[in-house]
Amino acid sequence: MIGSENPLVIQSMTNTDTADTDATVEQIKELVIAGSEIVRITVNNVEAAEGVATIKARLVEAGISVPLVGDFHYNGHLLLTQHPECAAALAKYRINPGNVGSKHRDANFQKIIEVAVSNDTPVRIGVNWGSLDQRLLSEAMDINASRAEPKNSEEIIIDTMIESALRSAELAEQMGLAEDMIILSTKVSAVPELLKVYQKLALRCHYPLHLGLTEAGLGLKGVVATAAAVSPLLIEGIGDTLRVSLTPLPNGSRAEEVLVARQVLQSLQIRNFEPQVTSCPGCGRTSSTLFQEMALEIQDHIRESMPVWGLQYPGAEEMTVAVMGCVVNGPGESKQANLGISLPGNAEDPKAPVYVDGKHHCTLSGDRLVEDFKRILETYVMKTYRKNSDEAA
């Protein structure tokens, strides 16, 4: 379930050839393990359409029930009508009003909606500024040119994107698709424009909104641009599903986009997925790399433990852990966390006080300091969240 009071859902998309069912199934598994809750796949030709049902069956056999979204452009009306097994296997259809065929766009759009209604399948109407319906845009430009005070082209594009999405949703409802089976998106690749278009769209409709930049980019640029774009909207309560459209490095993991989406939501305290480790950046007081190495090791330990903790100790994902490098902010940050340690900085006593729920618990030192802290962490999780586990059972 998405929209309304339901938790915001993380979506991802495969970049495999959908006709290669083995590769697609394996990548979907990777995305789901990373935390993707909806996965979109490309359905662009007959071979891809024929592979969808097989992919779904293979996932079910593996115990994976993630909803699959079919991404259709240009020929979706043909693929969905000519391959009913594909239409039935998908949990949602994604269509772009600007890309439903070079001719007879309204008829092609209506054909897709007919298939959706007959299969009781929701539809995401996704308008992108790179493939905007040129008929609507030309109409809007002509009207704007006749104004005494014309808007700039950016404003016209944004308004036209919204108009395209809303007109398409209205047509879908006229064709019999229920209002609560429609999701909208109006995605662009520029941060300021994304904020503007979604803020305007949210004021004009009650449909669930799928959020994200169309193309976020590579590496650090993609991560920062995504966070800058979606965070203000999420804080305003805009957005019901989220996809981080990172360009992966060659042979890089597609799951990175899922991890970034999870961290954005966790940093905004919208959803919790795993305990968060707070660590200082270091300074002239911390020439030793111990606190850096320890922070990384504790973070890895938490991630490795979460599959078990998530099942046995519900609530553990809300825990905070602090690994600090010196006495300046170390004790204070450690006391603010559920569990924290303040490592010694330069010229400080070579001991590390540990704080549990704001109170001094013990002081560690020596070569086994990291392992000792891990044991304290494990004990804290078991004692603190065992009650929650028992109550959940």
Protein backbone atom coordinates (compact mmCIF):
# COMPACT_ATOMS: atom_id res chain seq x y z
CA MET A 1 0.00 0.00 0.00
CA ILE A 2 1.24 3.49 -0.85
CA GLY A 3 -0.10 6.97 -0.24
CA SER A 4 -2.21 8.40 2.55
CA GLU A 5 -0.81 7.43 5.97
CA ASN A 6 1.19 4.47 4.64
CA PRO A 7 4.99 4.62 5.02
CA LEU A 8 6.89 6.10 2.11
CA VAL A 9 8.09 3.25 -0.11
CA ILE A 10 11.50 2.83 -1.77
CA GLN A 11 11.52 1.92 -5.45
CA SER A 12 14.37 0.96 -7.75
CA MET A 13 14.80 -0.06 -11.38
CA THR A 14 16.80 -2.78 -13.09
CA ASN A 15 19.24 -1.99 -15.89
CA THR A 16 19.40 -5.51 -17.28
CA ASP A 17 17.86 -6.58 -20.56
CA THR A 18 14.49 -7.86 -19.33
CA ALA A 19 14.56 -10.53 -22.03
CA ASP A 20 17.58 -11.94 -20.17
CA THR A 21 15.44 -13.40 -17.40
CA ASP A 22 18.36 -14.90 -15.46
CA ALA A 23 20.22 -11.60 -15.18
CA THR A 24 17.04 -9.69 -14.39
CA VAL A 25 15.99 -12.09 -11.63
CA GLU A 26 19.44 -11.89 -10.04
CA GLN A 27 19.47 -8.10 -10.10
CA ILE A 28 15.97 -7.90 -8.63
CA LYS A 29 17.14 -10.17 -5.81
CA GLU A 30 20.11 -7.86 -5.21
CA LEU A 31 17.84 -4.82 -5.11
CA VAL A 32 15.38 -6.47 -2.73
CA ILE A 33 18.16 -7.60 -0.39
CA ALA A 34 19.39 -3.98 -0.33
CA GLY A 35 15.91 -2.84 0.71
CA SER A 36 13.97 -2.05 -2.47
CA GLU A 37 10.24 -2.48 -1.89
CA ILE A 38 9.10 -1.96 -5.50
CA VAL A 39 11.17 -2.82 -8.58
CA ARG A 40 10.57 -1.40 -12.05
CA ILE A 41 11.64 -3.32 -15.15
CA THR A 42 11.83 -2.24 -18.77
CA VAL A 43 9.24 -3.78 -21.10
CA ASN A 44 10.26 -2.48 -24.50
CA ASN A 45 9.79 -5.35 -26.95
CA VAL A 46 8.16 -8.74 -27.48
CA GLU A 47 11.05 -10.65 -25.91
CA ALA A 48 10.91 -8.54 -22.76
CA ALA A 49 7.13 -8.91 -22.52
CA GLU A 50 7.43 -12.67 -22.89
CA GLY A 51 9.99 -12.78 -20.08
CA VAL A 52 7.96 -10.92 -17.45
CA ALA A 53 5.82 -13.86 -16.32
CA THR A 54 8.91 -16.07 -16.06
CA ILE A 55 10.68 -13.46 -13.96
CA LYS A 56 7.70 -13.18 -11.65
CA ALA A 57 7.44 -16.97 -11.28
CA ARG A 58 11.16 -17.33 -10.54
CA LEU A 59 10.95 -14.65 -7.84
CA VAL A 60 7.94 -16.32 -6.23
CA GLU A 61 9.82 -19.63 -6.20
CA ALA A 62 12.65 -17.86 -4.37
CA GLY A 63 10.20 -16.48 -1.80
CA ILE A 64 10.38 -12.92 -3.12
CA SER A 65 7.05 -11.15 -3.45
CA VAL A 66 8.28 -7.68 -4.46
CA PRO A 67 5.83 -5.82 -6.73
CA LEU A 68 7.09 -5.50 -10.30
CA VAL A 69 6.34 -2.37 -12.32
CA GLY A 70 6.42 -2.52 -16.10
CA ASP A 71 8.00 0.53 -17.77
CA PHE A 72 6.32 1.16 -21.12
CA HIS A 73 7.15 3.65 -23.86
CA TYR A 74 5.87 3.98 -27.44
CA ASN A 75 4.51 0.43 -27.84
CA GLY A 76 3.03 -0.33 -24.43
CA HIS A 77 -0.51 -0.54 -25.80
CA LEU A 78 0.59 -3.32 -28.16
CA LEU A 79 2.70 -5.27 -25.68
CA LEU A 80 0.05 -5.25 -22.96
CA THR A 81 -2.80 -6.29 -25.26
CA GLN A 82 -0.83 -8.91 -27.20
CA HIS A 83 0.81 -10.44 -24.12
CA PRO A 84 -1.88 -10.84 -21.45
CA GLU A 85 0.42 -12.97 -19.28
CA CYS A 86 2.76 -9.98 -19.03
CA ALA A 87 -0.10 -7.65 -18.14
CA ALA A 88 -1.30 -10.04 -15.43
CA ALA A 89 2.14 -10.56 -13.87
CA LEU A 90 2.88 -6.87 -13.31
CA ALA A 91 1.78 -5.08 -10.16
CA LYS A 92 1.74 -1.66 -11.82
CA TYR A 93 2.16 -0.11 -15.26
CA ARG A 94 4.25 3.01 -15.73
CA ILE A 95 3.35 5.07 -18.78
CA ASN A 96 4.50 8.45 -20.04
CA PRO A 97 1.78 10.48 -21.80
CA GLY A 98 4.44 11.95 -24.10
CA ASN A 99 5.67 8.50 -25.18
CA VAL A 100 2.58 6.42 -25.96
CA GLY A 101 3.18 6.30 -29.70
CA SER A 102 3.92 8.88 -32.36
CA LYS A 103 0.32 8.76 -33.62
CA HIS A 104 -3.05 8.22 -31.97
CA ARG A 105 -1.64 9.02 -28.53
CA ASP A 106 -4.98 9.32 -26.79
CA ALA A 107 -6.20 6.03 -28.27
CA ASN A 108 -3.00 4.25 -27.28
CA PHE A 109 -3.19 5.70 -23.77
CA GLN A 110 -6.79 4.58 -23.45
CA LYS A 111 -5.87 1.05 -24.57
CA ILE A 112 -3.34 0.79 -21.75
CA ILE A 113 -5.91 2.04 -19.25
CA GLU A 114 -8.40 -0.56 -20.51
CA VAL A 115 -5.85 -3.30 -19.81
CA ALA A 116 -5.19 -1.84 -16.36
CA VAL A 117 -8.90 -1.77 -15.53
CA SER A 118 -9.42 -5.35 -16.70
CA ASN A 119 -6.45 -6.55 -14.60
CA ASP A 120 -7.28 -4.36 -11.59
CA THR A 121 -3.77 -2.92 -11.85
CA PRO A 122 -2.68 0.57 -10.77
CA VAL A 123 -0.95 2.92 -13.19
CA ARG A 124 1.78 5.48 -12.67
CA ILE A 125 1.41 8.36 -15.06
CA GLY A 126 4.96 9.63 -15.30
CA VAL A 127 5.58 12.92 -17.06
CA ASN A 128 9.23 13.79 -17.78
CA TRP A 129 10.41 17.14 -19.04
CA GLY A 130 12.68 15.42 -21.56
CA SER A 131 9.72 13.72 -23.26
CA LEU A 132 6.90 16.16 -22.66
CA ASP A 133 3.79 15.98 -24.87
CA GLN A 134 4.70 18.49 -27.58
CA ARG A 135 1.07 19.17 -28.44
CA LEU A 136 0.35 20.45 -24.95
CA LEU A 137 3.62 22.37 -24.84
CA SER A 138 2.94 24.12 -28.15
CA GLU A 139 -0.57 24.99 -26.99
CA ALA A 140 0.77 26.41 -23.74
CA MET A 141 3.48 28.40 -25.53
CA ASP A 142 0.91 29.94 -27.90
CA ILE A 143 -1.35 30.97 -25.03
CA ASN A 144 1.62 32.38 -23.14
CA ALA A 145 2.76 34.42 -26.14
CA SER A 146 -0.59 36.20 -26.23
CA ARG A 147 -0.34 37.33 -22.59
CA ALA A 148 0.46 40.90 -21.71
CA GLU A 149 3.12 39.62 -19.32
CA PRO A 150 4.32 36.22 -20.62
CA LYS A 151 5.86 33.67 -18.25
CA ASN A 152 9.37 32.41 -18.91
CA SER A 153 9.87 29.10 -20.71
CA GLU A 154 10.79 27.23 -17.50
CA GLU A 155 7.46 28.15 -15.90
CA ILE A 156 5.58 27.08 -19.02
CA ILE A 157 7.32 23.70 -19.07
CA ILE A 158 6.54 23.13 -15.39
CA ASP A 159 2.90 24.12 -15.82
CA THR A 160 2.60 21.92 -18.91
CA MET A 161 4.04 18.91 -17.10
CA ILE A 162 1.45 19.30 -14.38
CA GLU A 163 -1.32 19.80 -16.91
CA SER A 164 -0.25 16.68 -18.81
CA ALA A 165 -0.27 14.58 -15.65
CA LEU A 166 -3.65 15.85 -14.46
CA ARG A 167 -5.32 15.61 -17.86
CA SER A 168 -4.06 12.05 -18.23
CA ALA A 169 -5.30 11.12 -14.77
CA GLU A 170 -8.70 12.60 -15.57
CA LEU A 171 -8.87 10.61 -18.80
CA ALA A 172 -7.85 7.44 -16.95
CA GLU A 173 -10.67 7.94 -14.47
CA GLN A 174 -13.13 8.53 -17.31
CA MET A 175 -11.99 5.19 -18.73
CA GLY A 176 -12.92 3.47 -15.47
CA LEU A 177 -9.61 3.43 -13.55
CA ALA A 178 -10.35 4.19 -9.91
CA GLU A 179 -8.87 7.32 -8.38
CA ASP A 180 -6.97 5.24 -5.83
CA MET A 181 -5.31 3.24 -8.62
CA ILE A 182 -3.47 6.25 -10.04
CA ILE A 183 0.01 7.50 -9.09
CA LEU A 184 1.56 10.62 -10.62
CA SER A 185 5.11 11.81 -11.17
CA THR A 186 6.52 14.92 -12.83
CA LYS A 187 10.25 14.32 -12.89
CA VAL A 188 13.03 16.63 -14.03
CA SER A 189 16.81 16.46 -13.64
CA ALA A 190 17.39 19.94 -12.14
CA VAL A 191 17.01 20.43 -8.39
CA PRO A 192 15.22 23.85 -8.29
CA GLU A 193 12.75 22.80 -10.98
CA LEU A 194 11.95 19.54 -9.18
CA LEU A 195 11.03 21.47 -6.07
CA LYS A 196 8.79 23.85 -8.03
CA VAL A 197 6.94 21.23 -10.06
CA TYR A 198 6.16 18.93 -7.13
CA GLN A 199 5.14 21.75 -4.81
CA LYS A 200 2.68 22.97 -7.45
CA LEU A 201 1.43 19.48 -8.29
CA ALA A 202 0.85 18.60 -4.64
CA LEU A 203 -1.49 21.59 -4.30
CA ARG A 204 -3.60 20.48 -7.25
CA CYS A 205 -4.29 16.80 -6.60
CA HIS A 206 -4.70 14.07 -3.99
CA TYR A 207 -3.04 11.27 -5.97
CA PRO A 208 0.01 9.56 -4.46
CA LEU A 209 3.20 11.07 -5.88
CA HIS A 210 6.32 9.21 -7.01
CA LEU A 211 9.37 11.32 -6.22
CA GLY A 212 12.86 11.59 -7.64
CA LEU A 213 15.13 13.27 -10.14
CA THR A 214 14.89 11.85 -13.64
CA GLU A 215 18.66 11.57 -13.87
CA ALA A 216 20.60 12.29 -10.69
CA GLY A 217 24.04 11.61 -12.17
CA LEU A 218 27.21 9.80 -11.14
CA GLY A 219 28.64 9.19 -7.69
CA LEU A 220 28.89 12.11 -5.31
CA LYS A 221 27.05 14.47 -7.66
CA GLY A 222 24.11 12.08 -7.92
CA VAL A 223 23.92 11.50 -4.17
CA VAL A 224 24.11 15.20 -3.26
CA ALA A 225 21.71 16.29 -6.00
CA THR A 226 19.17 13.69 -4.89
CA ALA A 227 19.39 14.67 -1.24
CA ALA A 228 19.15 18.38 -2.09
CA ALA A 229 16.14 17.81 -4.34
CA VAL A 230 13.96 15.40 -2.41
CA SER A 231 14.67 16.35 1.20
CA PRO A 232 12.75 19.66 1.22
CA LEU A 233 9.79 17.94 -0.43
CA LEU A 234 9.84 15.02 1.99
CA ILE A 235 9.99 17.40 4.95
CA GLU A 236 6.87 19.11 3.55
CA GLY A 237 5.15 15.73 3.38
CA ILE A 238 5.30 15.52 -0.42
CA GLY A 239 6.09 12.11 -1.88
CA ASP A 240 4.77 8.58 -1.39
CA THR A 241 7.33 6.53 -3.30
CA LEU A 242 10.99 7.42 -3.86
CA ARG A 243 13.52 6.36 -6.45
CA VAL A 244 17.14 7.55 -6.53
CA SER A 245 18.20 7.52 -10.19
CA LEU A 246 21.97 7.21 -9.86
CA THR A 247 24.20 6.43 -12.80
CA PRO A 248 26.12 3.34 -11.64
CA LEU A 249 29.85 3.04 -12.19
CA PRO A 250 30.87 0.52 -14.85
CA ASN A 251 30.14 -2.91 -13.35
CA GLY A 252 29.01 -1.12 -10.21
CA SER A 253 26.17 -2.32 -8.00
CA ARG A 254 22.69 -1.14 -8.94
CA ALA A 255 21.78 -1.49 -5.26
CA GLU A 256 23.61 1.76 -4.45
CA GLU A 257 20.49 3.72 -5.38
CA VAL A 258 18.50 1.79 -2.79
CA LEU A 259 21.06 2.41 -0.06
CA VAL A 260 21.05 6.14 -0.80
CA ALA A 261 17.24 6.26 -0.68
CA ARG A 262 17.23 4.48 2.67
CA GLN A 263 19.82 6.85 4.10
CA VAL A 264 17.91 9.93 2.95
CA LEU A 265 14.75 8.68 4.66
CA GLN A 266 16.65 7.65 7.78
CA SER A 267 18.52 10.96 8.01
CA LEU A 268 15.18 12.80 7.83
CA GLN A 269 13.78 10.45 10.50
CA ILE A 270 10.97 9.47 8.15
CA ARG A 271 11.76 5.75 8.35
CA ASN A 272 14.29 3.66 10.26
CA PHE A 273 16.12 0.76 8.63
CA GLU A 274 19.20 0.16 10.74
CA PRO A 275 20.97 1.71 13.75
CA GLN A 276 22.81 4.89 12.84
CA VAL A 277 26.46 5.41 13.73
CA THR A 278 27.48 8.98 14.63
CA SER A 279 31.20 9.65 14.30
CA CYS A 280 33.27 12.82 14.29
CA PRO A 281 35.21 14.06 11.24
CA GLY A 282 38.51 14.21 13.12
CA CYS A 283 40.84 17.15 13.69
CA GLY A 284 44.32 17.94 15.01
CA ARG A 285 43.35 16.27 18.29
CA THR A 286 42.81 12.92 16.56
CA SER A 287 45.91 12.00 14.59
CA SER A 288 45.25 8.33 15.37
CA THR A 289 43.03 6.51 12.87
CA LEU A 290 41.54 4.29 15.57
CA PHE A 291 38.21 6.12 15.77
CA GLN A 292 37.83 6.02 11.97
CA GLU A 293 38.61 2.33 11.79
CA MET A 294 36.36 1.61 14.75
CA ALA A 295 33.43 3.62 13.34
CA LEU A 296 33.68 1.68 10.07
CA GLU A 297 33.96 -1.67 11.84
CA ILE A 298 30.97 -0.96 14.10
CA GLN A 299 28.90 0.20 11.12
CA ASP A 300 29.77 -2.97 9.18
CA HIS A 301 29.00 -5.10 12.23
CA ILE A 302 25.58 -3.49 12.56
CA ARG A 303 24.75 -4.05 8.89
CA GLU A 304 25.83 -7.67 9.07
CA SER A 305 23.75 -8.17 12.23
CA MET A 306 20.56 -6.42 11.08
CA PRO A 307 19.03 -9.39 9.21
CA VAL A 308 18.96 -11.24 12.56
CA TRP A 309 18.28 -8.22 14.74
CA GLY A 310 15.42 -7.15 12.51
CA LEU A 311 13.65 -10.46 13.11
CA GLN A 312 14.52 -11.06 16.76
CA TYR A 313 14.72 -7.54 18.17
CA PRO A 314 12.15 -5.21 16.58
CA GLY A 315 12.95 -1.61 17.39
CA ALA A 316 16.71 -2.11 17.17
CA GLU A 317 16.68 -0.22 13.87
CA GLU A 318 15.91 2.97 15.82
CA MET A 319 19.08 2.72 17.93
CA THR A 320 21.87 5.30 17.68
CA VAL A 321 25.55 4.54 18.31
CA ALA A 322 28.29 7.15 18.71
CA VAL A 323 31.98 6.49 18.03
CA MET A 324 33.84 9.69 18.88
CA GLY A 325 37.52 10.59 18.59
CA CYS A 326 38.36 12.83 21.56
CA VAL A 327 37.13 14.45 24.75
CA VAL A 328 35.80 17.68 23.19
CA ASN A 329 32.46 16.38 21.89
CA GLY A 330 33.01 12.72 22.64
CA PRO A 331 31.27 12.37 26.03
CA GLY A 332 28.41 14.69 25.08
CA GLU A 333 27.63 12.92 21.79
CA SER A 334 28.02 9.53 23.46
CA LYS A 335 25.50 10.48 26.13
CA GLN A 336 23.02 11.60 23.48
CA ALA A 337 23.22 8.23 21.72
CA ASN A 338 21.74 4.99 23.02
CA LEU A 339 25.26 3.63 23.15
CA GLY A 340 28.45 5.62 22.76
CA ILE A 341 32.19 5.53 23.22
CA SER A 342 34.63 8.44 23.49
CA LEU A 343 38.07 7.39 22.29
CA PRO A 344 41.20 9.18 23.52
CA GLY A 345 42.62 11.97 21.39
CA ASN A 346 46.19 13.30 21.32
CA ALA A 347 47.71 13.74 24.80
CA GLU A 348 44.57 12.35 26.48
CA ASP A 349 44.44 9.53 29.01
CA PRO A 350 44.48 6.30 26.88
CA LYS A 351 41.09 5.17 28.09
CA ALA A 352 37.67 5.18 26.43
CA PRO A 353 34.55 5.77 28.55
CA VAL A 354 31.40 4.00 27.32
CA TYR A 355 27.94 5.48 27.88
CA VAL A 356 24.66 3.58 27.84
CA ASP A 357 21.43 5.59 27.61
CA GLY A 358 23.21 8.73 28.81
CA LYS A 359 25.01 7.19 31.78
CA HIS A 360 28.61 6.09 32.20
CA HIS A 361 28.68 2.32 31.85
CA CYS A 362 32.36 1.38 31.91
CA THR A 363 35.79 2.41 30.64
CA LEU A 364 37.63 0.39 28.00
CA SER A 365 41.30 0.29 27.04
CA GLY A 366 43.82 -2.01 25.42
CA ASP A 367 44.02 -3.99 22.20
CA ARG A 368 40.58 -5.58 22.58
CA LEU A 369 38.76 -2.29 22.93
CA VAL A 370 36.79 -2.69 19.70
CA GLU A 371 35.78 -6.28 20.40
CA ASP A 372 34.76 -5.34 23.94
CA PHE A 373 32.56 -2.54 22.61
CA LYS A 374 30.94 -4.94 20.12
CA ARG A 375 30.03 -7.25 23.03
CA ILE A 376 28.49 -4.34 24.90
CA LEU A 377 26.55 -3.46 21.74
CA GLU A 378 25.26 -7.02 21.34
CA THR A 379 24.24 -7.19 25.00
CA TYR A 380 22.45 -3.85 24.76
CA VAL A 381 20.44 -4.95 21.74
CA MET A 382 19.43 -8.24 23.34
CA LYS A 383 18.42 -6.70 26.66
CA THR A 384 16.77 -3.53 25.35
CA TYR A 385 14.83 -4.94 22.42
CA ARG A 386 14.10 -8.44 23.74
CA LYS A 387 11.03 -7.02 25.48
CA ASN A 388 9.83 -5.56 22.20
CA SER A 389 10.45 -8.91 20.56
CA ASP A 390 8.48 -10.75 23.23
CA GLU A 391 5.59 -8.28 23.00
CA ALA A 392 5.55 -8.58 19.20
CA ALA A 393 5.35 -12.38 19.50
